[in-house]
């Protein structure tokens, strides 16, 4: 996050430059990209916290699974998606590629996942 904040400050500095007009499209594109990365990271953090909480309830708790069968089925479906995405992100090791480029609708996936986790 520190690096993203540094890049945001750098872009703001470039925007204040008298040469901004020459590079406006590039600077605006990178501002939007950084904004998308930040929003995606926020949703990913939220999803991770919710997943950790729900995992402790549904994984390895046969009594709860029996009592909350429908909720367990929903969690297991989202758990499969969550685990696949985490494995993909771990393998990528590049924030831009992992969060934006590789899966263009990843933010929507996270927003939907967070709704289900709620």
C-alpha atoms as a PDB file:
ATOM      1  CA  UNK A   1       0.000   0.000   0.000  1.00  0.00           C
ATOM      2  CA  UNK A   2       2.895   2.361   0.709  1.00  0.00           C
ATOM      3  CA  UNK A   3       4.163   2.020  -2.846  1.00  0.00           C
ATOM      4  CA  UNK A   4       0.694   2.720  -4.234  1.00  0.00           C
ATOM      5  CA  UNK A   5       0.457   5.847  -2.075  1.00  0.00           C
ATOM      6  CA  UNK A   6       3.877   6.975  -3.316  1.00  0.00           C
ATOM      7  CA  UNK A   7       2.783   6.513  -6.933  1.00  0.00           C
ATOM      8  CA  UNK A   8      -0.397   8.487  -6.253  1.00  0.00           C
ATOM      9  CA  UNK A   9       1.656  11.378  -4.885  1.00  0.00           C
ATOM     10  CA  UNK A  10       4.005  11.203  -7.868  1.00  0.00           C
ATOM     11  CA  UNK A  11       1.074  11.359 -10.284  1.00  0.00           C
ATOM     12  CA  UNK A  12      -0.404  14.326  -8.416  1.00  0.00           C
ATOM     13  CA  UNK A  13       2.953  16.084  -8.702  1.00  0.00           C
ATOM     14  CA  UNK A  14       3.032  15.422 -12.433  1.00  0.00           C
ATOM     15  CA  UNK A  15      -0.502  16.758 -12.756  1.00  0.00           C
ATOM     16  CA  UNK A  16       0.610  20.042 -11.190  1.00  0.00           C
ATOM     17  CA  UNK A  17       3.487  20.321 -13.660  1.00  0.00           C
ATOM     18  CA  UNK A  18       3.292  22.784 -16.536  1.00  0.00           C
ATOM     19  CA  UNK A  19       4.034  19.816 -18.844  1.00  0.00           C
ATOM     20  CA  UNK A  20       0.913  17.924 -17.726  1.00  0.00           C
ATOM     21  CA  UNK A  21      -0.895  18.519 -21.037  1.00  0.00           C
ATOM     22  CA  UNK A  22       1.796  16.578 -22.915  1.00  0.00           C
ATOM     23  CA  UNK A  23       1.285  13.507 -20.733  1.00  0.00           C
ATOM     24  CA  UNK A  24      -2.349  13.984 -19.646  1.00  0.00           C
ATOM     25  CA  UNK A  25      -3.687  10.761 -21.150  1.00  0.00           C
ATOM     26  CA  UNK A  26      -0.919   8.623 -19.604  1.00  0.00           C
ATOM     27  CA  UNK A  27      -1.178  10.295 -16.204  1.00  0.00           C
ATOM     28  CA  UNK A  28      -4.990  10.021 -16.185  1.00  0.00           C
ATOM     29  CA  UNK A  29      -4.808   6.360 -17.218  1.00  0.00           C
ATOM     30  CA  UNK A  30      -2.383   5.561 -14.383  1.00  0.00           C
ATOM     31  CA  UNK A  31      -4.481   7.514 -11.881  1.00  0.00           C
ATOM     32  CA  UNK A  32      -7.502   5.440 -12.851  1.00  0.00           C
ATOM     33  CA  UNK A  33      -5.476   2.227 -12.707  1.00  0.00           C
ATOM     34  CA  UNK A  34      -4.152   3.029  -9.224  1.00  0.00           C
ATOM     35  CA  UNK A  35      -7.660   3.926  -8.096  1.00  0.00           C
ATOM     36  CA  UNK A  36      -8.941   0.561  -9.403  1.00  0.00           C
ATOM     37  CA  UNK A  37      -6.117  -1.295  -7.655  1.00  0.00           C
ATOM     38  CA  UNK A  38      -6.868   0.489  -4.380  1.00  0.00           C
ATOM     39  CA  UNK A  39     -10.596  -0.253  -4.595  1.00  0.00           C
ATOM     40  CA  UNK A  40      -9.889  -3.890  -5.462  1.00  0.00           C
ATOM     41  CA  UNK A  41      -7.466  -4.219  -2.534  1.00  0.00           C
ATOM     42  CA  UNK A  42     -10.091  -2.760  -0.196  1.00  0.00           C
ATOM     43  CA  UNK A  43     -12.674  -5.288  -1.381  1.00  0.00           C
ATOM     44  CA  UNK A  44     -10.109  -8.098  -1.178  1.00  0.00           C
ATOM     45  CA  UNK A  45      -9.252  -7.158   2.414  1.00  0.00           C
ATOM     46  CA  UNK A  46     -12.948  -7.123   3.303  1.00  0.00           C
ATOM     47  CA  UNK A  47     -13.506 -10.506   1.612  1.00  0.00           C
ATOM     48  CA  UNK A  48     -10.491 -12.033   3.360  1.00  0.00           C
ATOM     49  CA  UNK A  49     -11.688 -10.921   6.801  1.00  0.00           C
ATOM     50  CA  UNK A  50     -15.207 -12.243   6.147  1.00  0.00           C
ATOM     51  CA  UNK A  51     -13.843 -15.512   4.738  1.00  0.00           C
ATOM     52  CA  UNK A  52     -11.616 -16.059   7.784  1.00  0.00           C
ATOM     53  CA  UNK A  53     -14.564 -15.541  10.106  1.00  0.00           C
ATOM     54  CA  UNK A  54     -16.870 -17.854   8.133  1.00  0.00           C
ATOM     55  CA  UNK A  55     -14.203 -20.498   7.611  1.00  0.00           C
ATOM     56  CA  UNK A  56     -13.886 -20.906  11.374  1.00  0.00           C
ATOM     57  CA  UNK A  57     -17.638 -21.545  11.523  1.00  0.00           C
ATOM     58  CA  UNK A  58     -18.156 -23.862   8.550  1.00  0.00           C
ATOM     59  CA  UNK A  59     -14.921 -25.806   8.105  1.00  0.00           C
ATOM     60  CA  UNK A  60     -14.659 -28.829  10.346  1.00  0.00           C
ATOM     61  CA  UNK A  61     -17.823 -28.106  12.342  1.00  0.00           C
ATOM     62  CA  UNK A  62     -20.235 -30.974  11.524  1.00  0.00           C
ATOM     63  CA  UNK A  63     -22.911 -29.799  13.983  1.00  0.00           C
ATOM     64  CA  UNK A  64     -23.026 -26.330  12.488  1.00  0.00           C
ATOM     65  CA  UNK A  65     -22.966 -27.735   8.946  1.00  0.00           C
ATOM     66  CA  UNK A  66     -26.006 -29.869   9.794  1.00  0.00           C
ATOM     67  CA  UNK A  67     -27.889 -26.958  11.360  1.00  0.00           C
ATOM     68  CA  UNK A  68     -26.964 -24.440   8.666  1.00  0.00           C
ATOM     69  CA  UNK A  69     -26.976 -26.646   5.582  1.00  0.00           C
ATOM     70  CA  UNK A  70     -28.127 -23.989   3.117  1.00  0.00           C
ATOM     71  CA  UNK A  71     -25.683 -21.384   4.447  1.00  0.00           C
ATOM     72  CA  UNK A  72     -22.909 -23.971   4.402  1.00  0.00           C
ATOM     73  CA  UNK A  73     -23.618 -24.756   0.741  1.00  0.00           C
ATOM     74  CA  UNK A  74     -23.427 -21.029  -0.122  1.00  0.00           C
ATOM     75  CA  UNK A  75     -20.192 -20.658   1.824  1.00  0.00           C
ATOM     76  CA  UNK A  76     -18.612 -23.707   0.193  1.00  0.00           C
ATOM     77  CA  UNK A  77     -19.442 -22.306  -3.268  1.00  0.00           C
ATOM     78  CA  UNK A  78     -17.846 -18.946  -2.415  1.00  0.00           C
ATOM     79  CA  UNK A  79     -14.977 -20.704  -0.613  1.00  0.00           C
ATOM     80  CA  UNK A  80     -14.082 -22.513  -3.836  1.00  0.00           C
ATOM     81  CA  UNK A  81     -14.019 -19.224  -5.776  1.00  0.00           C
ATOM     82  CA  UNK A  82     -12.098 -17.449  -3.000  1.00  0.00           C
ATOM     83  CA  UNK A  83      -9.448 -20.163  -2.760  1.00  0.00           C
ATOM     84  CA  UNK A  84      -8.980 -20.279  -6.550  1.00  0.00           C
ATOM     85  CA  UNK A  85      -8.545 -16.503  -6.698  1.00  0.00           C
ATOM     86  CA  UNK A  86      -6.102 -16.483  -3.782  1.00  0.00           C
ATOM     87  CA  UNK A  87      -4.029 -19.204  -5.459  1.00  0.00           C
ATOM     88  CA  UNK A  88      -4.048 -17.194  -8.698  1.00  0.00           C
ATOM     89  CA  UNK A  89      -2.980 -13.995  -6.913  1.00  0.00           C
ATOM     90  CA  UNK A  90      -0.259 -15.826  -4.974  1.00  0.00           C
ATOM     91  CA  UNK A  91       1.105 -17.280  -8.195  1.00  0.00           C
ATOM     92  CA  UNK A  92       1.085 -13.940 -10.072  1.00  0.00           C
ATOM     93  CA  UNK A  93       3.161 -11.844  -7.603  1.00  0.00           C
ATOM     94  CA  UNK A  94       2.336  -8.629  -9.522  1.00  0.00           C
ATOM     95  CA  UNK A  95      -0.404  -6.436  -8.095  1.00  0.00           C
ATOM     96  CA  UNK A  96      -1.480  -4.866 -11.389  1.00  0.00           C
ATOM     97  CA  UNK A  97      -1.571  -8.159 -13.252  1.00  0.00           C
ATOM     98  CA  UNK A  98      -3.197 -10.094 -10.408  1.00  0.00           C
ATOM     99  CA  UNK A  99      -5.899  -7.575  -9.544  1.00  0.00           C
ATOM    100  CA  UNK A 100      -6.653  -5.798 -12.815  1.00  0.00           C
ATOM    101  CA  UNK A 101      -5.153  -7.296 -15.954  1.00  0.00           C
ATOM    102  CA  UNK A 102      -5.507 -11.080 -15.503  1.00  0.00           C
ATOM    103  CA  UNK A 103      -9.180 -11.019 -14.515  1.00  0.00           C
ATOM    104  CA  UNK A 104     -10.778  -7.785 -15.780  1.00  0.00           C
ATOM    105  CA  UNK A 105     -13.951  -8.335 -13.718  1.00  0.00           C
ATOM    106  CA  UNK A 106     -12.143  -9.275 -10.495  1.00  0.00           C
ATOM    107  CA  UNK A 107     -13.539  -6.260  -8.622  1.00  0.00           C
ATOM    108  CA  UNK A 108     -17.094  -7.367  -9.470  1.00  0.00           C
ATOM    109  CA  UNK A 109     -16.260 -10.914  -8.337  1.00  0.00           C
ATOM    110  CA  UNK A 110     -15.077  -9.524  -4.986  1.00  0.00           C
ATOM    111  CA  UNK A 111     -18.103  -7.265  -4.559  1.00  0.00           C
ATOM    112  CA  UNK A 112     -20.437 -10.199  -5.250  1.00  0.00           C
ATOM    113  CA  UNK A 113     -18.421 -12.410  -2.900  1.00  0.00           C
ATOM    114  CA  UNK A 114     -18.642  -9.822  -0.132  1.00  0.00           C
ATOM    115  CA  UNK A 115     -22.433  -9.665  -0.574  1.00  0.00           C
ATOM    116  CA  UNK A 116     -22.639 -13.440  -0.221  1.00  0.00           C
ATOM    117  CA  UNK A 117     -20.358 -13.439   2.825  1.00  0.00           C
ATOM    118  CA  UNK A 118     -22.627 -10.880   4.494  1.00  0.00           C
END
